[in-house]
Amino acid sequence: MFLGRKKVSLDQYLIPALYSVFGLGKSRINNILCKLGGVRKTKLVDIHPNKRKGLSKKLLKKYSTETELHKPIRKILRNHYIHGSYKGIRFSQGLPANGQRTHTNRSTASRLRRVTWLSTKTP
């Protein structure tokens, strides 16, 4: 099942499924739950299919999520890389770019910042 453009499992509870969608925070999720009415601690499988489809359509229509929010970030990172700035080089190597230490946290930073922005085509 999809919530917006994010694929989620039907076995998940509603609130963690909504939190997994990039761009939905606490206030937006509370707003959505108020409109759904009393389905806070239910699994997605227990919600009526028409209500689930309606929720997904409302997410796509009302909120910018996932891809729409990732595009400007990717564009900024690509510009750093193209201009050959220090920050762009650090991003391409998967290392911290904002002055963090690398003596003890290099592997963590590399793992957290796996970005596929170089492989995408320029718009």
PDB file of N, CA and C in Angstrom:
ATOM      1  N   MET A   1       0.828  -1.166   0.000  1.00  0.00           N
ATOM      2  CA  MET A   1       0.000   0.000   0.000  1.00  0.00           C
ATOM      3  C   MET A   1       0.885   1.246   0.000  1.00  0.00           C
ATOM      4  N   PHE A   2       0.388   2.325  -0.593  1.00  0.00           N
ATOM      5  CA  PHE A   2       1.138   3.563  -0.669  1.00  0.00           C
ATOM      6  C   PHE A   2       0.444   4.654   0.134  1.00  0.00           C
ATOM      7  N   LEU A   3       1.236   5.388   0.902  1.00  0.00           N
ATOM      8  CA  LEU A   3       0.775   6.616   1.543  1.00  0.00           C
ATOM      9  C   LEU A   3       1.480   7.740   0.814  1.00  0.00           C
ATOM     10  N   GLY A   4       0.758   8.438  -0.014  1.00  0.00           N
ATOM     11  CA  GLY A   4       1.410   9.388  -0.899  1.00  0.00           C
ATOM     12  C   GLY A   4       2.202   8.603  -1.914  1.00  0.00           C
ATOM     13  N   ARG A   5       3.514   8.796  -1.916  1.00  0.00           N
ATOM     14  CA  ARG A   5       4.382   8.007  -2.798  1.00  0.00           C
ATOM     15  C   ARG A   5       5.259   7.031  -2.022  1.00  0.00           C
ATOM     16  N   LYS A   6       5.029   6.901  -0.729  1.00  0.00           N
ATOM     17  CA  LYS A   6       5.830   6.033   0.129  1.00  0.00           C
ATOM     18  C   LYS A   6       5.129   4.691   0.287  1.00  0.00           C
ATOM     19  N   LYS A   7       5.826   3.621  -0.006  1.00  0.00           N
ATOM     20  CA  LYS A   7       5.260   2.288   0.151  1.00  0.00           C
ATOM     21  C   LYS A   7       5.367   1.868   1.612  1.00  0.00           C
ATOM     22  N   VAL A   8       4.238   1.471   2.192  1.00  0.00           N
ATOM     23  CA  VAL A   8       4.198   1.037   3.583  1.00  0.00           C
ATOM     24  C   VAL A   8       3.490  -0.307   3.663  1.00  0.00           C
ATOM     25  N   SER A   9       3.781  -1.028   4.724  1.00  0.00           N
ATOM     26  CA  SER A   9       3.176  -2.329   4.950  1.00  0.00           C
ATOM     27  C   SER A   9       1.811  -2.153   5.611  1.00  0.00           C
ATOM     28  N   LEU A  10       0.881  -3.021   5.274  1.00  0.00           N
ATOM     29  CA  LEU A  10      -0.446  -2.968   5.894  1.00  0.00           C
ATOM     30  C   LEU A  10      -0.417  -3.418   7.346  1.00  0.00           C
ATOM     31  N   ASP A  11       0.653  -4.086   7.769  1.00  0.00           N
ATOM     32  CA  ASP A  11       0.758  -4.552   9.152  1.00  0.00           C
ATOM     33  C   ASP A  11       1.168  -3.434  10.110  1.00  0.00           C
ATOM     34  N   GLN A  12       1.578  -2.284   9.570  1.00  0.00           N
ATOM     35  CA  GLN A  12       2.023  -1.178  10.414  1.00  0.00           C
ATOM     36  C   GLN A  12       0.834  -0.472  11.052  1.00  0.00           C
ATOM     37  N   TYR A  13       1.120   0.138  12.199  1.00  0.00           N
ATOM     38  CA  TYR A  13       0.126   1.019  12.791  1.00  0.00           C
ATOM     39  C   TYR A  13       0.116   2.324  12.005  1.00  0.00           C
ATOM     40  N   LEU A  14      -0.986   3.043  12.102  1.00  0.00           N
ATOM     41  CA  LEU A  14      -1.177   4.236  11.288  1.00  0.00           C
ATOM     42  C   LEU A  14      -0.164   5.340  11.585  1.00  0.00           C
ATOM     43  N   ILE A  15       0.070   5.628  12.849  1.00  0.00           N
ATOM     44  CA  ILE A  15       0.947   6.753  13.200  1.00  0.00           C
ATOM     45  C   ILE A  15       2.392   6.516  12.746  1.00  0.00           C
ATOM     46  N   PRO A  16       3.005   5.361  13.031  1.00  0.00           N
ATOM     47  CA  PRO A  16       4.365   5.149  12.508  1.00  0.00           C
ATOM     48  C   PRO A  16       4.427   5.136  10.981  1.00  0.00           C
ATOM     49  N   ALA A  17       3.363   4.682  10.335  1.00  0.00           N
ATOM     50  CA  ALA A  17       3.336   4.697   8.871  1.00  0.00           C
ATOM     51  C   ALA A  17       3.339   6.128   8.353  1.00  0.00           C
ATOM     52  N   LEU A  18       2.583   6.996   9.009  1.00  0.00           N
ATOM     53  CA  LEU A  18       2.567   8.401   8.600  1.00  0.00           C
ATOM     54  C   LEU A  18       3.906   9.077   8.878  1.00  0.00           C
ATOM     55  N   TYR A  19       4.540   8.731   9.997  1.00  0.00           N
ATOM     56  CA  TYR A  19       5.849   9.312  10.310  1.00  0.00           C
ATOM     57  C   TYR A  19       6.914   8.866   9.312  1.00  0.00           C
ATOM     58  N   SER A  20       6.737   7.726   8.666  1.00  0.00           N
ATOM     59  CA  SER A  20       7.739   7.253   7.715  1.00  0.00           C
ATOM     60  C   SER A  20       7.701   8.028   6.400  1.00  0.00           C
ATOM     61  N   VAL A  21       6.631   8.790   6.166  1.00  0.00           N
ATOM     62  CA  VAL A  21       6.531   9.597   4.952  1.00  0.00           C
ATOM     63  C   VAL A  21       7.353  10.870   5.151  1.00  0.00           C
ATOM     64  N   PHE A  22       8.313  11.101   4.275  1.00  0.00           N
ATOM     65  CA  PHE A  22       9.185  12.259   4.382  1.00  0.00           C
ATOM     66  C   PHE A  22       8.377  13.521   4.138  1.00  0.00           C
ATOM     67  N   GLY A  23       8.416  14.446   5.082  1.00  0.00           N
ATOM     68  CA  GLY A  23       7.691  15.694   4.947  1.00  0.00           C
ATOM     69  C   GLY A  23       6.495  15.814   5.870  1.00  0.00           C
ATOM     70  N   LEU A  24       6.119  14.722   6.533  1.00  0.00           N
ATOM     71  CA  LEU A  24       5.016  14.778   7.490  1.00  0.00           C
ATOM     72  C   LEU A  24       5.590  14.793   8.893  1.00  0.00           C
ATOM     73  N   GLY A  25       5.260  15.828   9.634  1.00  0.00           N
ATOM     74  CA  GLY A  25       5.723  15.944  11.009  1.00  0.00           C
ATOM     75  C   GLY A  25       4.568  15.780  11.979  1.00  0.00           C
ATOM     76  N   LYS A  26       4.831  16.110  13.220  1.00  0.00           N
ATOM     77  CA  LYS A  26       3.866  15.900  14.286  1.00  0.00           C
ATOM     78  C   LYS A  26       2.569  16.683  14.074  1.00  0.00           C
ATOM     79  N   SER A  27       2.673  17.959  13.732  1.00  0.00           N
ATOM     80  CA  SER A  27       1.468  18.774  13.586  1.00  0.00           C
ATOM     81  C   SER A  27       0.639  18.348  12.381  1.00  0.00           C
ATOM     82  N   ARG A  28       1.281  18.037  11.274  1.00  0.00           N
ATOM     83  CA  ARG A  28       0.534  17.584  10.097  1.00  0.00           C
ATOM     84  C   ARG A  28      -0.137  16.243  10.356  1.00  0.00           C
ATOM     85  N   ILE A  29       0.564  15.349  11.033  1.00  0.00           N
ATOM     86  CA  ILE A  29      -0.011  14.039  11.329  1.00  0.00           C
ATOM     87  C   ILE A  29      -1.199  14.187  12.268  1.00  0.00           C
ATOM     88  N   ASN A  30      -1.088  15.040  13.278  1.00  0.00           N
ATOM     89  CA  ASN A  30      -2.225  15.270  14.178  1.00  0.00           C
ATOM     90  C   ASN A  30      -3.408  15.853  13.425  1.00  0.00           C
ATOM     91  N   ASN A  31      -3.151  16.743  12.494  1.00  0.00           N
ATOM     92  CA  ASN A  31      -4.214  17.314  11.672  1.00  0.00           C
ATOM     93  C   ASN A  31      -4.905  16.221  10.848  1.00  0.00           C
ATOM     94  N   ILE A  32      -4.130  15.342  10.248  1.00  0.00           N
ATOM     95  CA  ILE A  32      -4.679  14.244   9.449  1.00  0.00           C
ATOM     96  C   ILE A  32      -5.509  13.308  10.319  1.00  0.00           C
ATOM     97  N   LEU A  33      -4.987  12.986  11.507  1.00  0.00           N
ATOM     98  CA  LEU A  33      -5.699  12.064  12.397  1.00  0.00           C
ATOM     99  C   LEU A  33      -7.009  12.666  12.901  1.00  0.00           C
ATOM    100  N   CYS A  34      -7.030  13.970  13.132  1.00  0.00           N
ATOM    101  CA  CYS A  34      -8.277  14.623  13.548  1.00  0.00           C
ATOM    102  C   CYS A  34      -9.332  14.512  12.455  1.00  0.00           C
ATOM    103  N   LYS A  35      -8.912  14.648  11.207  1.00  0.00           N
ATOM    104  CA  LYS A  35      -9.857  14.546  10.099  1.00  0.00           C
ATOM    105  C   LYS A  35     -10.338  13.111   9.896  1.00  0.00           C
ATOM    106  N   LEU A  36      -9.458  12.140  10.170  1.00  0.00           N
ATOM    107  CA  LEU A  36      -9.876  10.735  10.043  1.00  0.00           C
ATOM    108  C   LEU A  36     -10.833  10.341  11.165  1.00  0.00           C
ATOM    109  N   GLY A  37     -10.596  10.864  12.337  1.00  0.00           N
ATOM    110  CA  GLY A  37     -11.502  10.629  13.451  1.00  0.00           C
ATOM    111  C   GLY A  37     -11.356   9.274  14.128  1.00  0.00           C
ATOM    112  N   GLY A  38     -10.677   9.252  15.255  1.00  0.00           N
ATOM    113  CA  GLY A  38     -10.636   8.085  16.132  1.00  0.00           C
ATOM    114  C   GLY A  38      -9.932   6.853  15.622  1.00  0.00           C
ATOM    115  N   VAL A  39      -8.942   6.998  14.763  1.00  0.00           N
ATOM    116  CA  VAL A  39      -8.228   5.828  14.257  1.00  0.00           C
ATOM    117  C   VAL A  39      -6.757   5.856  14.666  1.00  0.00           C
ATOM    118  N   ARG A  40      -6.470   6.439  15.811  1.00  0.00           N
ATOM    119  CA  ARG A  40      -5.081   6.639  16.232  1.00  0.00           C
ATOM    120  C   ARG A  40      -4.304   5.338  16.437  1.00  0.00           C
ATOM    121  N   LYS A  41      -4.872   4.378  17.132  1.00  0.00           N
ATOM    122  CA  LYS A  41      -4.115   3.172  17.477  1.00  0.00           C
ATOM    123  C   LYS A  41      -4.612   1.956  16.707  1.00  0.00           C
ATOM    124  N   THR A  42      -4.780   2.122  15.415  1.00  0.00           N
ATOM    125  CA  THR A  42      -5.219   1.010  14.583  1.00  0.00           C
ATOM    126  C   THR A  42      -4.153   0.711  13.544  1.00  0.00           C
ATOM    127  N   LYS A  43      -4.205  -0.510  13.043  1.00  0.00           N
ATOM    128  CA  LYS A  43      -3.313  -0.894  11.963  1.00  0.00           C
ATOM    129  C   LYS A  43      -3.945  -0.473  10.642  1.00  0.00           C
ATOM    130  N   LEU A  44      -3.119  -0.326   9.636  1.00  0.00           N
ATOM    131  CA  LEU A  44      -3.616   0.086   8.333  1.00  0.00           C
ATOM    132  C   LEU A  44      -4.577  -0.936   7.747  1.00  0.00           C
ATOM    133  N   VAL A  45      -4.358  -2.197   8.064  1.00  0.00           N
ATOM    134  CA  VAL A  45      -5.212  -3.245   7.526  1.00  0.00           C
ATOM    135  C   VAL A  45      -6.633  -3.154   8.094  1.00  0.00           C
ATOM    136  N   ASP A  46      -6.779  -2.573   9.285  1.00  0.00           N
ATOM    137  CA  ASP A  46      -8.091  -2.458   9.919  1.00  0.00           C
ATOM    138  C   ASP A  46      -8.897  -1.261   9.421  1.00  0.00           C
ATOM    139  N   ILE A  47      -8.261  -0.350   8.707  1.00  0.00           N
ATOM    140  CA  ILE A  47      -8.955   0.815   8.172  1.00  0.00           C
ATOM    141  C   ILE A  47      -9.623   0.414   6.858  1.00  0.00           C
ATOM    142  N   HIS A  48     -10.816   0.913   6.633  1.00  0.00           N
ATOM    143  CA  HIS A  48     -11.562   0.584   5.413  1.00  0.00           C
ATOM    144  C   HIS A  48     -10.745   0.982   4.176  1.00  0.00           C
ATOM    145  N   PRO A  49     -10.733   0.121   3.143  1.00  0.00           N
ATOM    146  CA  PRO A  49      -9.913   0.404   1.949  1.00  0.00           C
ATOM    147  C   PRO A  49     -10.212   1.757   1.289  1.00  0.00           C
ATOM    148  N   ASN A  50     -11.482   2.148   1.271  1.00  0.00           N
ATOM    149  CA  ASN A  50     -11.812   3.450   0.666  1.00  0.00           C
ATOM    150  C   ASN A  50     -11.207   4.596   1.463  1.00  0.00           C
ATOM    151  N   LYS A  51     -11.190   4.456   2.780  1.00  0.00           N
ATOM    152  CA  LYS A  51     -10.605   5.485   3.638  1.00  0.00           C
ATOM    153  C   LYS A  51      -9.093   5.560   3.432  1.00  0.00           C
ATOM    154  N   ARG A  52      -8.457   4.386   3.248  1.00  0.00           N
ATOM    155  CA  ARG A  52      -7.010   4.363   2.984  1.00  0.00           C
ATOM    156  C   ARG A  52      -6.691   5.051   1.661  1.00  0.00           C
ATOM    157  N   LYS A  53      -7.471   4.762   0.628  1.00  0.00           N
ATOM    158  CA  LYS A  53      -7.238   5.400  -0.676  1.00  0.00           C
ATOM    159  C   LYS A  53      -7.439   6.902  -0.587  1.00  0.00           C
ATOM    160  N   GLY A  54      -8.471   7.296   0.142  1.00  0.00           N
ATOM    161  CA  GLY A  54      -8.728   8.724   0.314  1.00  0.00           C
ATOM    162  C   GLY A  54      -7.598   9.418   1.044  1.00  0.00           C
ATOM    163  N   LEU A  55      -7.034   8.738   2.045  1.00  0.00           N
ATOM    164  CA  LEU A  55      -5.912   9.297   2.793  1.00  0.00           C
ATOM    165  C   LEU A  55      -4.708   9.489   1.880  1.00  0.00           C
ATOM    166  N   SER A  56      -4.440   8.502   1.049  1.00  0.00           N
ATOM    167  CA  SER A  56      -3.309   8.594   0.137  1.00  0.00           C
ATOM    168  C   SER A  56      -3.513   9.722  -0.873  1.00  0.00           C
ATOM    169  N   LYS A  57      -4.714   9.859  -1.382  1.00  0.00           N
ATOM    170  CA  LYS A  57      -4.989  10.930  -2.352  1.00  0.00           C
ATOM    171  C   LYS A  57      -4.864  12.307  -1.698  1.00  0.00           C
ATOM    172  N   LYS A  58      -5.332  12.425  -0.450  1.00  0.00           N
ATOM    173  CA  LYS A  58      -5.235  13.705   0.247  1.00  0.00           C
ATOM    174  C   LYS A  58      -3.776  14.074   0.507  1.00  0.00           C
ATOM    175  N   LEU A  59      -2.949  13.071   0.830  1.00  0.00           N
ATOM    176  CA  LEU A  59      -1.527  13.354   1.047  1.00  0.00           C
ATOM    177  C   LEU A  59      -0.880  13.888  -0.226  1.00  0.00           C
ATOM    178  N   LEU A  60      -1.211  13.274  -1.359  1.00  0.00           N
ATOM    179  CA  LEU A  60      -0.638  13.720  -2.624  1.00  0.00           C
ATOM    180  C   LEU A  60      -1.140  15.102  -3.016  1.00  0.00           C
ATOM    181  N   LYS A  61      -2.402  15.369  -2.731  1.00  0.00           N
ATOM    182  CA  LYS A  61      -3.021  16.608  -3.169  1.00  0.00           C
ATOM    183  C   LYS A  61      -2.663  17.796  -2.278  1.00  0.00           C
ATOM    184  N   LYS A  62      -2.670  17.594  -0.966  1.00  0.00           N
ATOM    185  CA  LYS A  62      -2.548  18.696  -0.032  1.00  0.00           C
ATOM    186  C   LYS A  62      -1.109  18.995   0.392  1.00  0.00           C
ATOM    187  N   TYR A  63      -0.293  17.961   0.551  1.00  0.00           N
ATOM    188  CA  TYR A  63       1.061  18.140   1.093  1.00  0.00           C
ATOM    189  C   TYR A  63       2.107  17.783   0.053  1.00  0.00           C
ATOM    190  N   SER A  64       3.214  18.491   0.072  1.00  0.00           N
ATOM    191  CA  SER A  64       4.349  18.094  -0.753  1.00  0.00           C
ATOM    192  C   SER A  64       5.213  17.163   0.101  1.00  0.00           C
ATOM    193  N   THR A  65       5.416  15.971  -0.380  1.00  0.00           N
ATOM    194  CA  THR A  65       6.150  14.952   0.362  1.00  0.00           C
ATOM    195  C   THR A  65       7.145  14.256  -0.557  1.00  0.00           C
ATOM    196  N   GLU A  66       8.000  13.459   0.048  1.00  0.00           N
ATOM    197  CA  GLU A  66       8.962  12.590  -0.628  1.00  0.00           C
ATOM    198  C   GLU A  66       9.709  13.286  -1.766  1.00  0.00           C
ATOM    199  N   THR A  67       9.392  12.982  -3.009  1.00  0.00           N
ATOM    200  CA  THR A  67      10.163  13.428  -4.161  1.00  0.00           C
ATOM    201  C   THR A  67      10.175  14.946  -4.300  1.00  0.00           C
ATOM    202  N   GLU A  68       9.018  15.580  -4.059  1.00  0.00           N
ATOM    203  CA  GLU A  68       8.957  17.033  -4.218  1.00  0.00           C
ATOM    204  C   GLU A  68       9.895  17.735  -3.244  1.00  0.00           C
ATOM    205  N   LEU A  69      10.106  17.159  -2.071  1.00  0.00           N
ATOM    206  CA  LEU A  69      10.989  17.772  -1.090  1.00  0.00           C
ATOM    207  C   LEU A  69      12.455  17.381  -1.306  1.00  0.00           C
ATOM    208  N   HIS A  70      12.688  16.230  -1.912  1.00  0.00           N
ATOM    209  CA  HIS A  70      14.074  15.790  -2.148  1.00  0.00           C
ATOM    210  C   HIS A  70      14.714  16.495  -3.345  1.00  0.00           C
ATOM    211  N   LYS A  71      13.911  16.926  -4.325  1.00  0.00           N
ATOM    212  CA  LYS A  71      14.464  17.530  -5.539  1.00  0.00           C
ATOM    213  C   LYS A  71      15.308  18.776  -5.267  1.00  0.00           C
ATOM    214  N   PRO A  72      14.804  19.758  -4.488  1.00  0.00           N
ATOM    215  CA  PRO A  72      15.653  20.939  -4.253  1.00  0.00           C
ATOM    216  C   PRO A  72      16.925  20.620  -3.482  1.00  0.00           C
ATOM    217  N   ILE A  73      16.862  19.654  -2.570  1.00  0.00           N
ATOM    218  CA  ILE A  73      18.056  19.265  -1.813  1.00  0.00           C
ATOM    219  C   ILE A  73      19.091  18.664  -2.758  1.00  0.00           C
ATOM    220  N   ARG A  74      18.626  17.770  -3.657  1.00  0.00           N
ATOM    221  CA  ARG A  74      19.533  17.163  -4.624  1.00  0.00           C
ATOM    222  C   ARG A  74      20.145  18.225  -5.539  1.00  0.00           C
ATOM    223  N   LYS A  75      19.340  19.219  -5.910  1.00  0.00           N
ATOM    224  CA  LYS A  75      19.837  20.276  -6.800  1.00  0.00           C
ATOM    225  C   LYS A  75      20.941  21.085  -6.132  1.00  0.00           C
ATOM    226  N   ILE A  76      20.764  21.408  -4.867  1.00  0.00           N
ATOM    227  CA  ILE A  76      21.779  22.160  -4.123  1.00  0.00           C
ATOM    228  C   ILE A  76      23.063  21.352  -4.007  1.00  0.00           C
ATOM    229  N   LEU A  77      22.939  20.070  -3.687  1.00  0.00           N
ATOM    230  CA  LEU A  77      24.127  19.215  -3.564  1.00  0.00           C
ATOM    231  C   LEU A  77      24.838  19.061  -4.901  1.00  0.00           C
ATOM    232  N   ARG A  78      24.067  18.935  -5.982  1.00  0.00           N
ATOM    233  CA  ARG A  78      24.667  18.808  -7.306  1.00  0.00           C
ATOM    234  C   ARG A  78      25.427  20.078  -7.665  1.00  0.00           C
ATOM    235  N   ASN A  79      24.873  21.252  -7.319  1.00  0.00           N
ATOM    236  CA  ASN A  79      25.564  22.506  -7.605  1.00  0.00           C
ATOM    237  C   ASN A  79      26.882  22.600  -6.842  1.00  0.00           C
ATOM    238  N   HIS A  80      26.891  22.160  -5.588  1.00  0.00           N
ATOM    239  CA  HIS A  80      28.139  22.138  -4.821  1.00  0.00           C
ATOM    240  C   HIS A  80      29.171  21.267  -5.528  1.00  0.00           C
ATOM    241  N   TYR A  81      28.734  20.121  -6.010  1.00  0.00           N
ATOM    242  CA  TYR A  81      29.645  19.184  -6.666  1.00  0.00           C
ATOM    243  C   TYR A  81      30.160  19.752  -7.989  1.00  0.00           C
ATOM    244  N   ILE A  82      29.265  20.334  -8.782  1.00  0.00           N
ATOM    245  CA  ILE A  82      29.652  20.860 -10.094  1.00  0.00           C
ATOM    246  C   ILE A  82      30.654  22.006  -9.956  1.00  0.00           C
ATOM    247  N   HIS A  83      30.451  22.873  -8.974  1.00  0.00           N
ATOM    248  CA  HIS A  83      31.342  24.014  -8.792  1.00  0.00           C
ATOM    249  C   HIS A  83      32.660  23.622  -8.123  1.00  0.00           C
ATOM    250  N   GLY A  84      32.769  22.390  -7.687  1.00  0.00           N
ATOM    251  CA  GLY A  84      34.024  21.912  -7.124  1.00  0.00           C
ATOM    252  C   GLY A  84      34.332  22.461  -5.757  1.00  0.00           C
ATOM    253  N   SER A  85      33.315  22.832  -5.019  1.00  0.00           N
ATOM    254  CA  SER A  85      33.552  23.380  -3.688  1.00  0.00           C
ATOM    255  C   SER A  85      33.980  22.265  -2.729  1.00  0.00           C
ATOM    256  N   TYR A  86      34.525  22.684  -1.619  1.00  0.00           N
ATOM    257  CA  TYR A  86      34.953  21.727  -0.589  1.00  0.00           C
ATOM    258  C   TYR A  86      33.777  20.883  -0.136  1.00  0.00           C
ATOM    259  N   LYS A  87      32.643  21.541   0.055  1.00  0.00           N
ATOM    260  CA  LYS A  87      31.452  20.844   0.511  1.00  0.00           C
ATOM    261  C   LYS A  87      31.014  19.786  -0.508  1.00  0.00           C
ATOM    262  N   GLY A  88      31.078  20.114  -1.801  1.00  0.00           N
ATOM    263  CA  GLY A  88      30.705  19.158  -2.840  1.00  0.00           C
ATOM    264  C   GLY A  88      31.629  17.951  -2.877  1.00  0.00           C
ATOM    265  N   ILE A  89      32.912  18.190  -2.675  1.00  0.00           N
ATOM    266  CA  ILE A  89      33.871  17.086  -2.656  1.00  0.00           C
ATOM    267  C   ILE A  89      33.598  16.176  -1.468  1.00  0.00           C
ATOM    268  N   ARG A  90      33.335  16.769  -0.304  1.00  0.00           N
ATOM    269  CA  ARG A  90      33.040  15.966   0.890  1.00  0.00           C
ATOM    270  C   ARG A  90      31.762  15.161   0.712  1.00  0.00           C
ATOM    271  N   PHE A  91      30.746  15.773   0.079  1.00  0.00           N
ATOM    272  CA  PHE A  91      29.510  15.046  -0.172  1.00  0.00           C
ATOM    273  C   PHE A  91      29.757  13.863  -1.097  1.00  0.00           C
ATOM    274  N   SER A  92      30.560  14.069  -2.138  1.00  0.00           N
ATOM    275  CA  SER A  92      30.803  12.989  -3.093  1.00  0.00           C
ATOM    276  C   SER A  92      31.577  11.843  -2.454  1.00  0.00           C
ATOM    277  N   GLN A  93      32.414  12.154  -1.459  1.00  0.00           N
ATOM    278  CA  GLN A  93      33.166  11.115  -0.761  1.00  0.00           C
ATOM    279  C   GLN A  93      32.359  10.477   0.364  1.00  0.00           C
ATOM    280  N   GLY A  94      31.192  11.051   0.683  1.00  0.00           N
ATOM    281  CA  GLY A  94      30.361  10.519   1.755  1.00  0.00           C
ATOM    282  C   GLY A  94      30.876  10.857   3.137  1.00  0.00           C
ATOM    283  N   LEU A  95      31.609  11.953   3.248  1.00  0.00           N
ATOM    284  CA  LEU A  95      32.174  12.370   4.527  1.00  0.00           C
ATOM    285  C   LEU A  95      31.429  13.586   5.067  1.00  0.00           C
ATOM    286  N   PRO A  96      31.601  13.907   6.362  1.00  0.00           N
ATOM    287  CA  PRO A  96      30.935  15.092   6.915  1.00  0.00           C
ATOM    288  C   PRO A  96      31.398  16.356   6.203  1.00  0.00           C
ATOM    289  N   ALA A  97      30.451  17.236   5.894  1.00  0.00           N
ATOM    290  CA  ALA A  97      30.786  18.429   5.121  1.00  0.00           C
ATOM    291  C   ALA A  97      30.715  19.701   5.937  1.00  0.00           C
ATOM    292  N   ASN A  98      30.221  19.664   7.146  1.00  0.00           N
ATOM    293  CA  ASN A  98      29.995  20.890   7.908  1.00  0.00           C
ATOM    294  C   ASN A  98      30.929  21.028   9.097  1.00  0.00           C
ATOM    295  N   GLY A  99      32.127  20.490   9.007  1.00  0.00           N
ATOM    296  CA  GLY A  99      33.118  20.700  10.051  1.00  0.00           C
ATOM    297  C   GLY A  99      33.114  19.676  11.165  1.00  0.00           C
ATOM    298  N   GLN A 100      32.365  18.596  11.027  1.00  0.00           N
ATOM    299  CA  GLN A 100      32.380  17.584  12.073  1.00  0.00           C
ATOM    300  C   GLN A 100      33.709  16.834  12.045  1.00  0.00           C
ATOM    301  N   ARG A 101      34.044  16.254  13.162  1.00  0.00           N
ATOM    302  CA  ARG A 101      35.294  15.520  13.234  1.00  0.00           C
ATOM    303  C   ARG A 101      35.174  14.188  12.501  1.00  0.00           C
ATOM    304  N   THR A 102      36.293  13.728  11.938  1.00  0.00           N
ATOM    305  CA  THR A 102      36.275  12.456  11.231  1.00  0.00           C
ATOM    306  C   THR A 102      37.126  11.413  11.929  1.00  0.00           C
ATOM    307  N   HIS A 103      37.839  11.806  12.963  1.00  0.00           N
ATOM    308  CA  HIS A 103      38.710  10.847  13.644  1.00  0.00           C
ATOM    309  C   HIS A 103      37.903   9.720  14.274  1.00  0.00           C
ATOM    310  N   THR A 104      36.748  10.037  14.849  1.00  0.00           N
ATOM    311  CA  THR A 104      35.975   8.999  15.529  1.00  0.00           C
ATOM    312  C   THR A 104      34.627   8.723  14.884  1.00  0.00           C
ATOM    313  N   ASN A 105      34.124   9.582  14.019  1.00  0.00           N
ATOM    314  CA  ASN A 105      32.778   9.338  13.517  1.00  0.00           C
ATOM    315  C   ASN A 105      32.697   9.222  12.002  1.00  0.00           C
ATOM    316  N   ARG A 106      33.785   8.947  11.340  1.00  0.00           N
ATOM    317  CA  ARG A 106      33.770   8.882   9.893  1.00  0.00           C
ATOM    318  C   ARG A 106      32.835   7.795   9.381  1.00  0.00           C
ATOM    319  N   SER A 107      32.866   6.626   9.985  1.00  0.00           N
ATOM    320  CA  SER A 107      32.046   5.527   9.478  1.00  0.00           C
ATOM    321  C   SER A 107      30.565   5.794   9.691  1.00  0.00           C
ATOM    322  N   THR A 108      30.225   6.417  10.815  1.00  0.00           N
ATOM    323  CA  THR A 108      28.829   6.752  11.064  1.00  0.00           C
ATOM    324  C   THR A 108      28.346   7.775  10.061  1.00  0.00           C
ATOM    325  N   ALA A 109      29.138   8.790   9.816  1.00  0.00           N
ATOM    326  CA  ALA A 109      28.747   9.831   8.873  1.00  0.00           C
ATOM    327  C   ALA A 109      28.615   9.253   7.468  1.00  0.00           C
ATOM    328  N   SER A 110      29.493   8.375   7.087  1.00  0.00           N
ATOM    329  CA  SER A 110      29.424   7.778   5.763  1.00  0.00           C
ATOM    330  C   SER A 110      28.170   6.938   5.612  1.00  0.00           C
ATOM    331  N   ARG A 111      27.819   6.233   6.650  1.00  0.00           N
ATOM    332  CA  ARG A 111      26.643   5.367   6.595  1.00  0.00           C
ATOM    333  C   ARG A 111      25.356   6.194   6.531  1.00  0.00           C
ATOM    334  N   LEU A 112      25.319   7.294   7.261  1.00  0.00           N
ATOM    335  CA  LEU A 112      24.111   8.100   7.319  1.00  0.00           C
ATOM    336  C   LEU A 112      23.889   8.939   6.075  1.00  0.00           C
ATOM    337  N   ARG A 113      24.944   9.220   5.334  1.00  0.00           N
ATOM    338  CA  ARG A 113      24.818  10.145   4.222  1.00  0.00           C
ATOM    339  C   ARG A 113      24.975   9.463   2.877  1.00  0.00           C
ATOM    340  N   ARG A 114      24.322   8.359   2.689  1.00  0.00           N
ATOM    341  CA  ARG A 114      24.370   7.709   1.389  1.00  0.00           C
ATOM    342  C   ARG A 114      23.412   8.442   0.472  1.00  0.00           C
ATOM    343  N   VAL A 115      23.964   9.180  -0.449  1.00  0.00           N
ATOM    344  CA  VAL A 115      23.164  10.022  -1.327  1.00  0.00           C
ATOM    345  C   VAL A 115      23.334   9.525  -2.751  1.00  0.00           C
ATOM    346  N   THR A 116      22.236   9.409  -3.487  1.00  0.00           N
ATOM    347  CA  THR A 116      22.303   8.972  -4.875  1.00  0.00           C
ATOM    348  C   THR A 116      22.120  10.151  -5.817  1.00  0.00           C
ATOM    349  N   TRP A 117      22.480  11.330  -5.367  1.00  0.00           N
ATOM    350  CA  TRP A 117      22.250  12.531  -6.158  1.00  0.00           C
ATOM    351  C   TRP A 117      23.182  12.639  -7.342  1.00  0.00           C
ATOM    352  N   LEU A 118      24.332  11.983  -7.326  1.00  0.00           N
ATOM    353  CA  LEU A 118      25.253  12.070  -8.454  1.00  0.00           C
ATOM    354  C   LEU A 118      24.784  11.237  -9.623  1.00  0.00           C
ATOM    355  N   SER A 119      24.062  10.154  -9.335  1.00  0.00           N
ATOM    356  CA  SER A 119      23.655   9.272 -10.409  1.00  0.00           C
ATOM    357  C   SER A 119      22.397   9.755 -11.122  1.00  0.00           C
ATOM    358  N   THR A 120      21.683  10.739 -10.541  1.00  0.00           N
ATOM    359  CA  THR A 120      20.472  11.235 -11.195  1.00  0.00           C
ATOM    360  C   THR A 120      20.838  12.215 -12.284  1.00  0.00           C
ATOM    361  N   LYS A 121      19.986  12.291 -13.289  1.00  0.00           N
ATOM    362  CA  LYS A 121      20.267  13.163 -14.426  1.00  0.00           C
ATOM    363  C   LYS A 121      19.908  14.605 -14.094  1.00  0.00           C
ATOM    364  N   THR A 122      20.595  15.523 -14.735  1.00  0.00           N
ATOM    365  CA  THR A 122      20.342  16.942 -14.520  1.00  0.00           C
ATOM    366  C   THR A 122      19.035  17.316 -15.195  1.00  0.00           C
ATOM    367  N   PRO A 123      18.162  18.091 -14.489  1.00  0.00           N
ATOM    368  CA  PRO A 123      16.870  18.456 -15.097  1.00  0.00           C
ATOM    369  C   PRO A 123      17.017  19.435 -16.240  1.00  0.00           C
TER     370      PRO A 123
END
